[in-house]
């Protein structure tokens, strides 16, 4: 019930070959990429100005991270639940690389915290780039 309310508020309509989660995944992709890019640029601006990340930056980075991880989660849901091979394995590959990137960021969080604004700004832009590549490669597969 709650899912249908959220999807109705977002005006997401599944296509003939897609579920509501798949439609939400496709519609929300660019939104997550743009949010992560804005937060990445914000971090670089803070680094250039030699300022430490503020609480508002931390909230923005958290929101951006949740948006990107939600995208990856919805993509995995659609791929596993619907056997959606039409997405192409390159698209799935970039989703997995995003998960590994978050994992490495967590592992090296102490080192990233030394120059937090620069580190997290660059990380945000890198994740934005992975998201763009994932969107560009939708439907493409490696090799024959």
Protein backbone atom coordinates (compact mmCIF):
# COMPACT_ATOMS: atom_id res chain seq x y z
CA UNK A 1 0.00 0.00 0.00
CA UNK A 2 2.74 2.47 0.98
CA UNK A 3 4.70 1.72 -2.19
CA UNK A 4 1.71 2.49 -4.39
CA UNK A 5 1.15 5.80 -2.55
CA UNK A 6 4.79 6.83 -3.03
CA UNK A 7 4.74 5.82 -6.71
CA UNK A 8 1.48 7.71 -7.22
CA UNK A 9 2.97 10.83 -5.64
CA UNK A 10 6.02 10.53 -7.90
CA UNK A 11 3.75 9.87 -10.89
CA UNK A 12 5.68 6.74 -11.83
CA UNK A 13 3.92 4.48 -14.31
CA UNK A 14 5.44 1.11 -15.15
CA UNK A 15 5.93 0.30 -18.82
CA UNK A 16 4.66 -2.88 -20.44
CA UNK A 17 7.91 -4.73 -19.66
CA UNK A 18 8.76 -3.02 -16.39
CA UNK A 19 7.57 -3.08 -12.79
CA UNK A 20 6.87 -0.02 -10.69
CA UNK A 21 10.28 -0.40 -9.03
CA UNK A 22 11.92 -0.60 -12.48
CA UNK A 23 10.09 2.53 -13.62
CA UNK A 24 11.15 4.35 -10.45
CA UNK A 25 14.74 3.18 -11.01
CA UNK A 26 14.78 4.56 -14.54
CA UNK A 27 13.06 7.82 -13.61
CA UNK A 28 15.20 8.55 -10.54
CA UNK A 29 18.59 7.78 -12.17
CA UNK A 30 19.47 11.27 -13.33
CA UNK A 31 18.17 12.76 -10.09
CA UNK A 32 20.61 10.68 -8.03
CA UNK A 33 23.48 11.55 -10.39
CA UNK A 34 22.75 15.28 -10.24
CA UNK A 35 22.42 15.29 -6.44
CA UNK A 36 25.76 13.48 -6.10
CA UNK A 37 27.41 15.88 -8.56
CA UNK A 38 26.17 18.95 -6.70
CA UNK A 39 27.46 17.57 -3.41
CA UNK A 40 30.79 16.70 -5.05
CA UNK A 41 31.19 20.23 -6.39
CA UNK A 42 30.17 21.62 -3.01
CA UNK A 43 32.97 19.61 -1.39
CA UNK A 44 35.51 20.92 -3.88
CA UNK A 45 34.39 24.51 -3.25
CA UNK A 46 34.84 23.96 0.48
CA UNK A 47 38.32 22.52 -0.18
CA UNK A 48 39.36 25.47 -2.36
CA UNK A 49 38.13 27.87 0.31
CA UNK A 50 40.07 25.79 2.89
CA UNK A 51 36.99 25.20 5.01
CA UNK A 52 36.00 22.10 6.86
CA UNK A 53 32.74 20.42 5.83
CA UNK A 54 29.78 21.84 7.71
CA UNK A 55 26.84 19.99 9.15
CA UNK A 56 24.75 20.98 6.14
CA UNK A 57 27.40 19.45 3.84
CA UNK A 58 27.33 16.24 5.86
CA UNK A 59 23.53 16.12 5.52
CA UNK A 60 23.79 16.78 1.78
CA UNK A 61 26.40 14.05 1.37
CA UNK A 62 24.22 11.65 3.32
CA UNK A 63 21.17 12.44 1.19
CA UNK A 64 23.22 12.02 -2.00
CA UNK A 65 24.65 8.72 -0.79
CA UNK A 66 21.21 7.41 0.13
CA UNK A 67 19.90 8.45 -3.30
CA UNK A 68 22.70 6.62 -5.13
CA UNK A 69 22.49 3.54 -2.91
CA UNK A 70 18.71 3.48 -3.37
CA UNK A 71 19.30 3.53 -7.13
CA UNK A 72 21.69 0.60 -6.91
CA UNK A 73 19.30 -1.27 -4.62
CA UNK A 74 16.35 -0.74 -6.95
CA UNK A 75 18.47 -1.82 -9.90
CA UNK A 76 19.52 -5.02 -8.15
CA UNK A 77 15.91 -5.65 -7.13
CA UNK A 78 14.71 -5.33 -10.72
CA UNK A 79 17.58 -7.41 -12.09
CA UNK A 80 17.10 -10.27 -9.63
CA UNK A 81 13.31 -10.17 -9.28
CA UNK A 82 12.45 -9.75 -12.94
CA UNK A 83 15.49 -11.40 -14.54
CA UNK A 84 15.89 -8.12 -16.42
CA UNK A 85 18.70 -9.04 -18.77
CA UNK A 86 17.50 -6.32 -21.14
CA UNK A 87 19.34 -3.86 -18.89
CA UNK A 88 22.66 -5.20 -20.16
CA UNK A 89 25.57 -6.40 -18.09
CA UNK A 90 27.55 -3.14 -18.49
CA UNK A 91 24.75 -1.26 -16.71
CA UNK A 92 24.83 -3.83 -13.90
CA UNK A 93 28.64 -3.67 -13.80
CA UNK A 94 28.60 0.06 -13.03
CA UNK A 95 26.07 -0.49 -10.24
CA UNK A 96 28.41 -3.04 -8.69
CA UNK A 97 31.41 -0.69 -9.07
CA UNK A 98 29.40 1.96 -7.20
CA UNK A 99 28.88 -0.50 -4.34
CA UNK A 100 32.61 -1.30 -4.26
CA UNK A 101 33.41 2.43 -4.26
CA UNK A 102 31.20 2.98 -1.21
CA UNK A 103 32.84 -0.04 0.45
CA UNK A 104 36.35 1.33 -0.12
CA UNK A 105 35.28 4.78 1.05
CA UNK A 106 34.05 3.17 4.27
CA UNK A 107 37.25 1.17 4.72
CA UNK A 108 39.45 4.25 4.18
CA UNK A 109 37.21 6.72 6.02
CA UNK A 110 39.98 7.65 8.49
CA UNK A 111 42.31 8.65 5.65
CA UNK A 112 39.50 10.46 3.81
CA UNK A 113 38.72 12.46 6.96
CA UNK A 114 42.20 14.06 6.96
CA UNK A 115 41.18 16.31 4.06
CA UNK A 116 37.46 15.70 4.25
CA UNK A 117 36.12 18.36 1.91
CA UNK A 118 38.53 17.50 -0.91
CA UNK A 119 38.26 13.74 -0.42
CA UNK A 120 34.50 13.58 -0.24
CA UNK A 121 34.13 16.14 -3.03
CA UNK A 122 36.25 14.03 -5.37
CA UNK A 123 34.48 10.89 -4.22
CA UNK A 124 31.12 12.48 -5.03
CA UNK A 125 32.27 13.48 -8.52
CA UNK A 126 33.68 9.98 -9.11
CA UNK A 127 30.37 8.42 -8.07
CA UNK A 128 28.54 10.88 -10.32
CA UNK A 129 30.74 9.76 -13.22
CA UNK A 130 30.02 6.10 -12.51
CA UNK A 131 26.31 6.89 -12.46
CA UNK A 132 26.52 8.68 -15.80
CA UNK A 133 28.41 5.76 -17.33
CA UNK A 134 25.82 3.35 -15.95
CA UNK A 135 23.01 5.35 -17.55
CA UNK A 136 24.87 5.64 -20.86
CA UNK A 137 25.50 1.90 -21.00
CA UNK A 138 21.91 0.87 -20.35
CA UNK A 139 21.10 -2.11 -22.56
CA UNK A 140 24.70 -2.79 -23.60
CA UNK A 141 26.63 -5.92 -22.81
CA UNK A 142 30.29 -6.89 -22.76
CA UNK A 143 31.47 -9.04 -25.66
CA UNK A 144 29.34 -11.30 -27.78
